[in-house]
PDB file of all heavy atoms in Angstrom:
ATOM      1  N   ARG A   1     -46.907 -40.003 -50.945  1.00  0.00           N
ATOM      2  CA  ARG A   1     -45.894 -39.105 -51.611  1.00  0.00           C
ATOM      3  C   ARG A   1     -46.057 -39.046 -53.071  1.00  0.00           C
ATOM      4  O   ARG A   1     -46.044 -38.023 -53.876  1.00  0.00           O
ATOM      5  CB  ARG A   1     -44.490 -39.479 -51.308  1.00  0.00           C
ATOM      6  CG  ARG A   1     -43.975 -39.032 -49.946  1.00  0.00           C
ATOM      7  CD  ARG A   1     -42.878 -38.119 -50.111  1.00  0.00           C
ATOM      8  NE  ARG A   1     -43.128 -37.007 -50.966  1.00  0.00           N
ATOM      9  CZ  ARG A   1     -43.466 -35.807 -50.627  1.00  0.00           C
ATOM     10  NH1 ARG A   1     -43.546 -35.499 -49.385  1.00  0.00           N
ATOM     11  NH2 ARG A   1     -43.724 -34.783 -51.482  1.00  0.00           N
ATOM     12  N   GLU A   2     -46.302 -40.208 -53.745  1.00  0.00           N
ATOM     13  CA  GLU A   2     -46.585 -40.281 -55.074  1.00  0.00           C
ATOM     14  C   GLU A   2     -47.889 -39.606 -55.440  1.00  0.00           C
ATOM     15  O   GLU A   2     -47.900 -38.928 -56.618  1.00  0.00           O
ATOM     16  CB  GLU A   2     -46.524 -41.841 -55.601  1.00  0.00           C
ATOM     17  CG  GLU A   2     -46.759 -42.081 -57.056  1.00  0.00           C
ATOM     18  CD  GLU A   2     -46.753 -43.556 -57.385  1.00  0.00           C
ATOM     19  OE1 GLU A   2     -46.411 -44.367 -56.526  1.00  0.00           O
ATOM     20  OE2 GLU A   2     -47.270 -43.701 -58.512  1.00  0.00           O
ATOM     21  N   TYR A   3     -48.873 -39.801 -54.639  1.00  0.00           N
ATOM     22  CA  TYR A   3     -50.134 -39.183 -54.927  1.00  0.00           C
ATOM     23  C   TYR A   3     -50.060 -37.662 -54.924  1.00  0.00           C
ATOM     24  O   TYR A   3     -50.602 -36.961 -55.870  1.00  0.00           O
ATOM     25  CB  TYR A   3     -51.104 -39.642 -53.793  1.00  0.00           C
ATOM     26  CG  TYR A   3     -52.579 -39.370 -54.158  1.00  0.00           C
ATOM     27  CD1 TYR A   3     -53.312 -40.124 -55.112  1.00  0.00           C
ATOM     28  CD2 TYR A   3     -53.383 -38.302 -53.560  1.00  0.00           C
ATOM     29  CE1 TYR A   3     -54.550 -39.926 -55.439  1.00  0.00           C
ATOM     30  CE2 TYR A   3     -54.709 -38.060 -53.854  1.00  0.00           C
ATOM     31  CZ  TYR A   3     -55.264 -38.923 -54.850  1.00  0.00           C
ATOM     32  OH  TYR A   3     -56.566 -38.833 -55.088  1.00  0.00           O
ATOM     33  N   ALA A   4     -49.274 -37.093 -54.016  1.00  0.00           N
ATOM     34  CA  ALA A   4     -49.030 -35.690 -53.961  1.00  0.00           C
ATOM     35  C   ALA A   4     -48.193 -35.208 -55.141  1.00  0.00           C
ATOM     36  O   ALA A   4     -48.372 -34.119 -55.757  1.00  0.00           O
ATOM     37  CB  ALA A   4     -48.532 -35.244 -52.626  1.00  0.00           C
ATOM     38  N   GLY A   5     -47.280 -35.949 -55.538  1.00  0.00           N
ATOM     39  CA  GLY A   5     -46.404 -35.704 -56.651  1.00  0.00           C
ATOM     40  C   GLY A   5     -47.074 -35.604 -58.098  1.00  0.00           C
ATOM     41  O   GLY A   5     -46.524 -34.979 -58.863  1.00  0.00           O
ATOM     42  N   ALA A   6     -48.360 -36.030 -57.975  1.00  0.00           N
ATOM     43  CA  ALA A   6     -49.097 -36.007 -59.206  1.00  0.00           C
ATOM     44  C   ALA A   6     -50.080 -34.660 -59.212  1.00  0.00           C
ATOM     45  O   ALA A   6     -50.889 -34.523 -59.986  1.00  0.00           O
ATOM     46  CB  ALA A   6     -50.045 -37.210 -59.346  1.00  0.00           C
ATOM     47  N   GLY A   7     -49.611 -33.761 -58.274  1.00  0.00           N
ATOM     48  CA  GLY A   7     -50.259 -32.497 -58.219  1.00  0.00           C
ATOM     49  C   GLY A   7     -51.406 -32.411 -57.226  1.00  0.00           C
ATOM     50  O   GLY A   7     -52.158 -31.485 -57.366  1.00  0.00           O
ATOM     51  N   ARG A   8     -51.493 -33.291 -56.408  1.00  0.00           N
ATOM     52  CA  ARG A   8     -52.555 -33.252 -55.427  1.00  0.00           C
ATOM     53  C   ARG A   8     -52.013 -32.895 -54.045  1.00  0.00           C
ATOM     54  O   ARG A   8     -50.715 -32.741 -53.884  1.00  0.00           O
ATOM     55  CB  ARG A   8     -53.234 -34.706 -55.263  1.00  0.00           C
ATOM     56  CG  ARG A   8     -53.778 -35.103 -56.597  1.00  0.00           C
ATOM     57  CD  ARG A   8     -54.446 -36.640 -56.455  1.00  0.00           C
ATOM     58  NE  ARG A   8     -55.020 -37.010 -57.671  1.00  0.00           N
ATOM     59  CZ  ARG A   8     -54.454 -37.945 -58.545  1.00  0.00           C
ATOM     60  NH1 ARG A   8     -53.245 -38.391 -58.231  1.00  0.00           N
ATOM     61  NH2 ARG A   8     -55.095 -38.424 -59.643  1.00  0.00           N
ATOM     62  N   THR A   9     -52.876 -32.927 -52.948  1.00  0.00           N
ATOM     63  CA  THR A   9     -52.523 -32.321 -51.599  1.00  0.00           C
ATOM     64  C   THR A   9     -52.899 -33.431 -50.715  1.00  0.00           C
ATOM     65  O   THR A   9     -53.959 -33.942 -50.752  1.00  0.00           O
ATOM     66  CB  THR A   9     -53.078 -30.980 -51.372  1.00  0.00           C
ATOM     67  OG1 THR A   9     -52.753 -30.076 -52.385  1.00  0.00           O
ATOM     68  CG2 THR A   9     -52.611 -30.444 -50.128  1.00  0.00           C
ATOM     69  N   VAL A  10     -52.047 -33.630 -49.611  1.00  0.00           N
ATOM     70  CA  VAL A  10     -52.236 -34.706 -48.623  1.00  0.00           C
ATOM     71  C   VAL A  10     -52.006 -34.159 -47.273  1.00  0.00           C
ATOM     72  O   VAL A  10     -50.913 -33.472 -47.029  1.00  0.00           O
ATOM     73  CB  VAL A  10     -51.329 -35.916 -49.020  1.00  0.00           C
ATOM     74  CG1 VAL A  10     -51.736 -36.996 -47.803  1.00  0.00           C
ATOM     75  CG2 VAL A  10     -51.620 -36.574 -50.223  1.00  0.00           C
ATOM     76  N   ALA A  11     -52.840 -34.272 -46.336  1.00  0.00           N
ATOM     77  CA  ALA A  11     -52.646 -34.052 -44.889  1.00  0.00           C
ATOM     78  C   ALA A  11     -52.930 -35.251 -44.098  1.00  0.00           C
ATOM     79  O   ALA A  11     -54.123 -35.884 -44.268  1.00  0.00           O
ATOM     80  CB  ALA A  11     -53.512 -32.804 -44.529  1.00  0.00           C
ATOM     81  N   LEU A  12     -52.150 -35.646 -43.254  1.00  0.00           N
ATOM     82  CA  LEU A  12     -52.258 -36.935 -42.333  1.00  0.00           C
ATOM     83  C   LEU A  12     -52.151 -36.508 -40.893  1.00  0.00           C
ATOM     84  O   LEU A  12     -51.242 -35.866 -40.493  1.00  0.00           O
ATOM     85  CB  LEU A  12     -51.157 -37.851 -42.786  1.00  0.00           C
ATOM     86  CG  LEU A  12     -50.897 -38.234 -44.281  1.00  0.00           C
ATOM     87  CD1 LEU A  12     -49.625 -38.994 -44.377  1.00  0.00           C
ATOM     88  CD2 LEU A  12     -52.064 -38.929 -44.857  1.00  0.00           C
ATOM     89  N   VAL A  13     -52.938 -37.059 -40.179  1.00  0.00           N
ATOM     90  CA  VAL A  13     -52.698 -37.132 -38.585  1.00  0.00           C
ATOM     91  C   VAL A  13     -51.893 -38.376 -38.483  1.00  0.00           C
ATOM     92  O   VAL A  13     -52.200 -39.463 -38.744  1.00  0.00           O
ATOM     93  CB  VAL A  13     -53.946 -37.258 -37.832  1.00  0.00           C
ATOM     94  CG1 VAL A  13     -53.709 -37.629 -36.337  1.00  0.00           C
ATOM     95  CG2 VAL A  13     -54.852 -35.949 -38.010  1.00  0.00           C
ATOM     96  N   LEU A  14     -50.660 -37.968 -37.676  1.00  0.00           N
ATOM     97  CA  LEU A  14     -49.758 -39.021 -37.420  1.00  0.00           C
ATOM     98  C   LEU A  14     -49.202 -39.015 -36.081  1.00  0.00           C
ATOM     99  O   LEU A  14     -49.151 -37.976 -35.402  1.00  0.00           O
ATOM    100  CB  LEU A  14     -48.483 -38.985 -38.459  1.00  0.00           C
ATOM    101  CG  LEU A  14     -48.630 -39.293 -39.898  1.00  0.00           C
ATOM    102  CD1 LEU A  14     -47.432 -39.026 -40.724  1.00  0.00           C
ATOM    103  CD2 LEU A  14     -49.140 -40.734 -40.224  1.00  0.00           C
ATOM    104  N   HIS A  15     -48.874 -40.212 -35.525  1.00  0.00           N
ATOM    105  CA  HIS A  15     -48.243 -40.248 -34.160  1.00  0.00           C
ATOM    106  C   HIS A  15     -46.836 -40.654 -34.274  1.00  0.00           C
ATOM    107  O   HIS A  15     -45.857 -40.345 -33.402  1.00  0.00           O
ATOM    108  CB  HIS A  15     -48.909 -41.221 -33.219  1.00  0.00           C
ATOM    109  CG  HIS A  15     -50.170 -40.634 -32.600  1.00  0.00           C
ATOM    110  ND1 HIS A  15     -50.043 -39.523 -31.739  1.00  0.00           N
ATOM    111  CD2 HIS A  15     -51.410 -40.817 -32.703  1.00  0.00           C
ATOM    112  CE1 HIS A  15     -51.210 -39.333 -31.287  1.00  0.00           C
ATOM    113  NE2 HIS A  15     -52.147 -40.188 -31.876  1.00  0.00           N
ATOM    114  N   ASP A  16     -46.288 -41.305 -35.555  1.00  0.00           N
ATOM    115  CA  ASP A  16     -44.997 -41.704 -35.741  1.00  0.00           C
ATOM    116  C   ASP A  16     -44.137 -40.584 -36.165  1.00  0.00           C
ATOM    117  O   ASP A  16     -44.391 -40.158 -37.346  1.00  0.00           O
ATOM    118  CB  ASP A  16     -44.879 -42.862 -36.669  1.00  0.00           C
ATOM    119  CG  ASP A  16     -43.652 -43.469 -36.804  1.00  0.00           C
ATOM    120  OD1 ASP A  16     -42.576 -42.829 -37.044  1.00  0.00           O
ATOM    121  OD2 ASP A  16     -43.582 -44.680 -36.730  1.00  0.00           O
ATOM    122  N   LEU A  17     -43.222 -40.079 -35.313  1.00  0.00           N
ATOM    123  CA  LEU A  17     -42.492 -38.835 -35.667  1.00  0.00           C
ATOM    124  C   LEU A  17     -41.455 -39.125 -36.811  1.00  0.00           C
ATOM    125  O   LEU A  17     -41.300 -38.132 -37.609  1.00  0.00           O
ATOM    126  CB  LEU A  17     -41.775 -38.370 -34.464  1.00  0.00           C
ATOM    127  CG  LEU A  17     -42.614 -38.076 -33.116  1.00  0.00           C
ATOM    128  CD1 LEU A  17     -41.644 -37.549 -32.063  1.00  0.00           C
ATOM    129  CD2 LEU A  17     -43.667 -37.043 -33.349  1.00  0.00           C
ATOM    130  N   ASN A  18     -41.063 -40.318 -36.857  1.00  0.00           N
ATOM    131  CA  ASN A  18     -39.990 -40.663 -37.985  1.00  0.00           C
ATOM    132  C   ASN A  18     -40.658 -40.685 -39.290  1.00  0.00           C
ATOM    133  O   ASN A  18     -40.094 -40.294 -40.307  1.00  0.00           O
ATOM    134  CB  ASN A  18     -39.326 -41.978 -37.608  1.00  0.00           C
ATOM    135  CG  ASN A  18     -38.216 -41.682 -36.711  1.00  0.00           C
ATOM    136  OD1 ASN A  18     -37.343 -40.677 -36.944  1.00  0.00           O
ATOM    137  ND2 ASN A  18     -38.073 -42.502 -35.730  1.00  0.00           N
ATOM    138  N   LEU A  19     -41.872 -41.219 -39.421  1.00  0.00           N
ATOM    139  CA  LEU A  19     -42.518 -41.331 -40.668  1.00  0.00           C
ATOM    140  C   LEU A  19     -42.952 -39.874 -41.160  1.00  0.00           C
ATOM    141  O   LEU A  19     -42.847 -39.624 -42.264  1.00  0.00           O
ATOM    142  CB  LEU A  19     -43.905 -42.247 -40.585  1.00  0.00           C
ATOM    143  CG  LEU A  19     -43.731 -43.721 -40.342  1.00  0.00           C
ATOM    144  CD1 LEU A  19     -45.057 -44.328 -40.207  1.00  0.00           C
ATOM    145  CD2 LEU A  19     -43.006 -44.270 -41.693  1.00  0.00           C
ATOM    146  N   ALA A  20     -43.339 -39.094 -40.099  1.00  0.00           N
ATOM    147  CA  ALA A  20     -43.540 -37.740 -40.534  1.00  0.00           C
ATOM    148  C   ALA A  20     -42.312 -36.986 -41.014  1.00  0.00           C
ATOM    149  O   ALA A  20     -42.349 -36.281 -42.006  1.00  0.00           O
ATOM    150  CB  ALA A  20     -44.183 -36.974 -39.230  1.00  0.00           C
ATOM    151  N   ALA A  21     -41.127 -37.156 -40.303  1.00  0.00           N
ATOM    152  CA  ALA A  21     -39.978 -36.478 -40.683  1.00  0.00           C
ATOM    153  C   ALA A  21     -39.454 -36.978 -42.033  1.00  0.00           C
ATOM    154  O   ALA A  21     -38.961 -36.264 -42.935  1.00  0.00           O
ATOM    155  CB  ALA A  21     -38.929 -36.678 -39.663  1.00  0.00           C
ATOM    156  N   ARG A  22     -39.669 -38.296 -42.370  1.00  0.00           N
ATOM    157  CA  ARG A  22     -39.031 -38.941 -43.526  1.00  0.00           C
ATOM    158  C   ARG A  22     -39.886 -38.525 -44.757  1.00  0.00           C
ATOM    159  O   ARG A  22     -39.300 -38.301 -45.933  1.00  0.00           O
ATOM    160  CB  ARG A  22     -39.000 -40.431 -43.249  1.00  0.00           C
ATOM    161  CG  ARG A  22     -38.702 -41.258 -44.480  1.00  0.00           C
ATOM    162  CD  ARG A  22     -37.188 -41.111 -44.982  1.00  0.00           C
ATOM    163  NE  ARG A  22     -36.946 -41.830 -46.029  1.00  0.00           N
ATOM    164  CZ  ARG A  22     -37.151 -41.446 -47.365  1.00  0.00           C
ATOM    165  NH1 ARG A  22     -37.723 -40.459 -47.565  1.00  0.00           N
ATOM    166  NH2 ARG A  22     -36.887 -42.389 -48.306  1.00  0.00           N
ATOM    167  N   PHE A  23     -41.141 -38.521 -44.697  1.00  0.00           N
ATOM    168  CA  PHE A  23     -42.098 -38.519 -45.793  1.00  0.00           C
ATOM    169  C   PHE A  23     -42.800 -37.217 -45.952  1.00  0.00           C
ATOM    170  O   PHE A  23     -43.378 -37.062 -47.184  1.00  0.00           O
ATOM    171  CB  PHE A  23     -42.991 -39.685 -45.843  1.00  0.00           C
ATOM    172  CG  PHE A  23     -42.336 -41.073 -46.032  1.00  0.00           C
ATOM    173  CD1 PHE A  23     -42.143 -41.860 -44.942  1.00  0.00           C
ATOM    174  CD2 PHE A  23     -42.000 -41.544 -47.323  1.00  0.00           C
ATOM    175  CE1 PHE A  23     -41.462 -43.148 -45.047  1.00  0.00           C
ATOM    176  CE2 PHE A  23     -41.276 -42.674 -47.423  1.00  0.00           C
ATOM    177  CZ  PHE A  23     -41.093 -43.529 -46.289  1.00  0.00           C
ATOM    178  N   CYS A  24     -42.912 -36.309 -45.023  1.00  0.00           N
ATOM    179  CA  CYS A  24     -43.767 -35.235 -45.094  1.00  0.00           C
ATOM    180  C   CYS A  24     -42.972 -33.882 -45.323  1.00  0.00           C
ATOM    181  O   CYS A  24     -41.785 -33.807 -44.921  1.00  0.00           O
ATOM    182  CB  CYS A  24     -44.602 -35.060 -43.773  1.00  0.00           C
ATOM    183  SG  CYS A  24     -45.733 -36.499 -43.673  1.00  0.00           S
ATOM    184  N   ASP A  25     -43.479 -33.059 -46.217  1.00  0.00           N
ATOM    185  CA  ASP A  25     -42.825 -31.822 -46.554  1.00  0.00           C
ATOM    186  C   ASP A  25     -42.856 -30.914 -45.321  1.00  0.00           C
ATOM    187  O   ASP A  25     -42.005 -30.051 -45.098  1.00  0.00           O
ATOM    188  CB  ASP A  25     -43.492 -31.114 -47.794  1.00  0.00           C
ATOM    189  CG  ASP A  25     -43.552 -32.081 -48.980  1.00  0.00           C
ATOM    190  OD1 ASP A  25     -42.313 -32.339 -49.423  1.00  0.00           O
ATOM    191  OD2 ASP A  25     -44.634 -32.492 -49.424  1.00  0.00           O
ATOM    192  N   ARG A  26     -44.102 -30.863 -44.719  1.00  0.00           N
ATOM    193  CA  ARG A  26     -44.247 -30.024 -43.657  1.00  0.00           C
ATOM    194  C   ARG A  26     -44.850 -30.711 -42.357  1.00  0.00           C
ATOM    195  O   ARG A  26     -45.580 -31.753 -42.605  1.00  0.00           O
ATOM    196  CB  ARG A  26     -45.270 -28.853 -43.892  1.00  0.00           C
ATOM    197  CG  ARG A  26     -44.807 -27.877 -44.864  1.00  0.00           C
ATOM    198  CD  ARG A  26     -46.044 -26.956 -45.310  1.00  0.00           C
ATOM    199  NE  ARG A  26     -46.587 -26.329 -44.200  1.00  0.00           N
ATOM    200  CZ  ARG A  26     -47.772 -25.879 -44.163  1.00  0.00           C
ATOM    201  NH1 ARG A  26     -48.630 -26.077 -45.269  1.00  0.00           N
ATOM    202  NH2 ARG A  26     -48.280 -25.358 -43.047  1.00  0.00           N
ATOM    203  N   LEU A  27     -44.442 -30.315 -41.137  1.00  0.00           N
ATOM    204  CA  LEU A  27     -45.105 -30.817 -39.902  1.00  0.00           C
ATOM    205  C   LEU A  27     -45.862 -29.701 -39.248  1.00  0.00           C
ATOM    206  O   LEU A  27     -45.262 -28.634 -39.084  1.00  0.00           O
ATOM    207  CB  LEU A  27     -43.952 -31.408 -39.055  1.00  0.00           C
ATOM    208  CG  LEU A  27     -43.463 -32.908 -39.314  1.00  0.00           C
ATOM    209  CD1 LEU A  27     -42.844 -32.915 -40.789  1.00  0.00           C
ATOM    210  CD2 LEU A  27     -42.336 -33.196 -38.368  1.00  0.00           C
ATOM    211  N   VAL A  28     -46.967 -29.897 -38.859  1.00  0.00           N
ATOM    212  CA  VAL A  28     -47.917 -29.039 -38.199  1.00  0.00           C
ATOM    213  C   VAL A  28     -48.137 -29.613 -36.672  1.00  0.00           C
ATOM    214  O   VAL A  28     -48.666 -30.623 -36.592  1.00  0.00           O
ATOM    215  CB  VAL A  28     -49.233 -28.949 -38.822  1.00  0.00           C
ATOM    216  CG1 VAL A  28     -50.124 -27.800 -38.048  1.00  0.00           C
ATOM    217  CG2 VAL A  28     -48.911 -28.364 -40.204  1.00  0.00           C
ATOM    218  N   LEU A  29     -47.478 -28.870 -35.734  1.00  0.00           N
ATOM    219  CA  LEU A  29     -47.606 -29.467 -34.290  1.00  0.00           C
ATOM    220  C   LEU A  29     -48.636 -28.679 -33.572  1.00  0.00           C
ATOM    221  O   LEU A  29     -48.668 -27.506 -33.467  1.00  0.00           O
ATOM    222  CB  LEU A  29     -46.253 -29.250 -33.661  1.00  0.00           C
ATOM    223  CG  LEU A  29     -46.029 -29.704 -32.288  1.00  0.00           C
ATOM    224  CD1 LEU A  29     -46.315 -31.227 -32.127  1.00  0.00           C
ATOM    225  CD2 LEU A  29     -44.596 -29.465 -31.769  1.00  0.00           C
ATOM    226  N   LEU A  30     -49.589 -29.410 -32.984  1.00  0.00           N
ATOM    227  CA  LEU A  30     -50.699 -28.818 -32.106  1.00  0.00           C
ATOM    228  C   LEU A  30     -50.387 -29.300 -30.698  1.00  0.00           C
ATOM    229  O   LEU A  30     -49.920 -30.326 -30.291  1.00  0.00           O
ATOM    230  CB  LEU A  30     -52.027 -29.333 -32.567  1.00  0.00           C
ATOM    231  CG  LEU A  30     -52.532 -29.083 -33.914  1.00  0.00           C
ATOM    232  CD1 LEU A  30     -53.961 -29.517 -34.246  1.00  0.00           C
ATOM    233  CD2 LEU A  30     -52.581 -27.461 -34.132  1.00  0.00           C
ATOM    234  N   ASP A  31     -50.834 -28.334 -29.741  1.00  0.00           N
ATOM    235  CA  ASP A  31     -51.026 -28.751 -28.235  1.00  0.00           C
ATOM    236  C   ASP A  31     -52.159 -27.911 -27.698  1.00  0.00           C
ATOM    237  O   ASP A  31     -52.131 -26.749 -27.950  1.00  0.00           O
ATOM    238  CB  ASP A  31     -49.705 -28.334 -27.650  1.00  0.00           C
ATOM    239  CG  ASP A  31     -49.611 -28.924 -26.329  1.00  0.00           C
ATOM    240  OD1 ASP A  31     -50.211 -29.872 -26.012  1.00  0.00           O
ATOM    241  OD2 ASP A  31     -48.852 -28.246 -25.408  1.00  0.00           O
ATOM    242  N   GLU A  32     -52.992 -28.706 -27.104  1.00  0.00           N
ATOM    243  CA  GLU A  32     -54.193 -28.097 -26.504  1.00  0.00           C
ATOM    244  C   GLU A  32     -54.980 -27.177 -27.429  1.00  0.00           C
ATOM    245  O   GLU A  32     -55.359 -26.057 -27.037  1.00  0.00           O
ATOM    246  CB  GLU A  32     -53.739 -27.227 -25.160  1.00  0.00           C
ATOM    247  CG  GLU A  32     -53.155 -28.098 -24.136  1.00  0.00           C
ATOM    248  CD  GLU A  32     -52.715 -27.397 -22.849  1.00  0.00           C
ATOM    249  OE1 GLU A  32     -52.822 -26.197 -22.858  1.00  0.00           O
ATOM    250  OE2 GLU A  32     -52.617 -28.101 -21.801  1.00  0.00           O
ATOM    251  N   GLY A  33     -55.082 -27.601 -28.704  1.00  0.00           N
ATOM    252  CA  GLY A  33     -55.945 -26.943 -29.743  1.00  0.00           C
ATOM    253  C   GLY A  33     -55.109 -25.753 -30.318  1.00  0.00           C
ATOM    254  O   GLY A  33     -55.829 -25.239 -31.153  1.00  0.00           O
ATOM    255  N   ARG A  34     -54.014 -25.422 -29.868  1.00  0.00           N
ATOM    256  CA  ARG A  34     -53.089 -24.378 -30.598  1.00  0.00           C
ATOM    257  C   ARG A  34     -52.130 -24.834 -31.419  1.00  0.00           C
ATOM    258  O   ARG A  34     -51.380 -25.761 -31.106  1.00  0.00           O
ATOM    259  CB  ARG A  34     -52.746 -23.414 -29.432  1.00  0.00           C
ATOM    260  CG  ARG A  34     -53.831 -22.812 -28.645  1.00  0.00           C
ATOM    261  CD  ARG A  34     -53.392 -21.778 -27.564  1.00  0.00           C
ATOM    262  NE  ARG A  34     -54.595 -21.154 -26.924  1.00  0.00           N
ATOM    263  CZ  ARG A  34     -55.163 -20.109 -27.287  1.00  0.00           C
ATOM    264  NH1 ARG A  34     -54.842 -19.509 -28.297  1.00  0.00           N
ATOM    265  NH2 ARG A  34     -56.074 -19.585 -26.525  1.00  0.00           N
ATOM    266  N   LEU A  35     -51.767 -23.986 -32.462  1.00  0.00           N
ATOM    267  CA  LEU A  35     -50.650 -24.283 -33.357  1.00  0.00           C
ATOM    268  C   LEU A  35     -49.422 -23.878 -32.528  1.00  0.00           C
ATOM    269  O   LEU A  35     -49.180 -22.663 -32.231  1.00  0.00           O
ATOM    270  CB  LEU A  35     -50.837 -23.437 -34.587  1.00  0.00           C
ATOM    271  CG  LEU A  35     -49.711 -23.775 -35.758  1.00  0.00           C
ATOM    272  CD1 LEU A  35     -49.900 -25.188 -36.243  1.00  0.00           C
ATOM    273  CD2 LEU A  35     -50.057 -22.765 -36.827  1.00  0.00           C
ATOM    274  N   VAL A  36     -48.482 -24.866 -32.451  1.00  0.00           N
ATOM    275  CA  VAL A  36     -47.195 -24.559 -31.705  1.00  0.00           C
ATOM    276  C   VAL A  36     -46.057 -24.286 -32.625  1.00  0.00           C
ATOM    277  O   VAL A  36     -45.254 -23.404 -32.493  1.00  0.00           O
ATOM    278  CB  VAL A  36     -46.888 -25.791 -30.726  1.00  0.00           C
ATOM    279  CG1 VAL A  36     -45.491 -25.548 -30.097  1.00  0.00           C
ATOM    280  CG2 VAL A  36     -47.974 -25.974 -29.718  1.00  0.00           C
ATOM    281  N   ALA A  37     -46.044 -25.088 -33.706  1.00  0.00           N
ATOM    282  CA  ALA A  37     -44.925 -25.083 -34.774  1.00  0.00           C
ATOM    283  C   ALA A  37     -45.532 -25.494 -36.059  1.00  0.00           C
ATOM    284  O   ALA A  37     -46.336 -26.460 -36.113  1.00  0.00           O
ATOM    285  CB  ALA A  37     -43.727 -25.791 -34.283  1.00  0.00           C
ATOM    286  N   ASP A  38     -44.936 -24.846 -37.096  1.00  0.00           N
ATOM    287  CA  ASP A  38     -45.374 -25.312 -38.457  1.00  0.00           C
ATOM    288  C   ASP A  38     -44.094 -25.051 -39.353  1.00  0.00           C
ATOM    289  O   ASP A  38     -43.676 -23.943 -39.605  1.00  0.00           O
ATOM    290  CB  ASP A  38     -46.487 -24.418 -38.915  1.00  0.00           C
ATOM    291  CG  ASP A  38     -46.945 -24.777 -40.463  1.00  0.00           C
ATOM    292  OD1 ASP A  38     -46.310 -25.676 -41.061  1.00  0.00           O
ATOM    293  OD2 ASP A  38     -47.970 -24.037 -40.850  1.00  0.00           O
TER     294      ASP A  38
END
């Protein structure tokens, strides 16, 4: 979060839904190779 706050961009593959919800601006949800929600 601090790294992105310095004007950079971060994308992470995560399995922990709470860490994603707590710390990420956007969640990108894939299923079977297709974008389900963003």
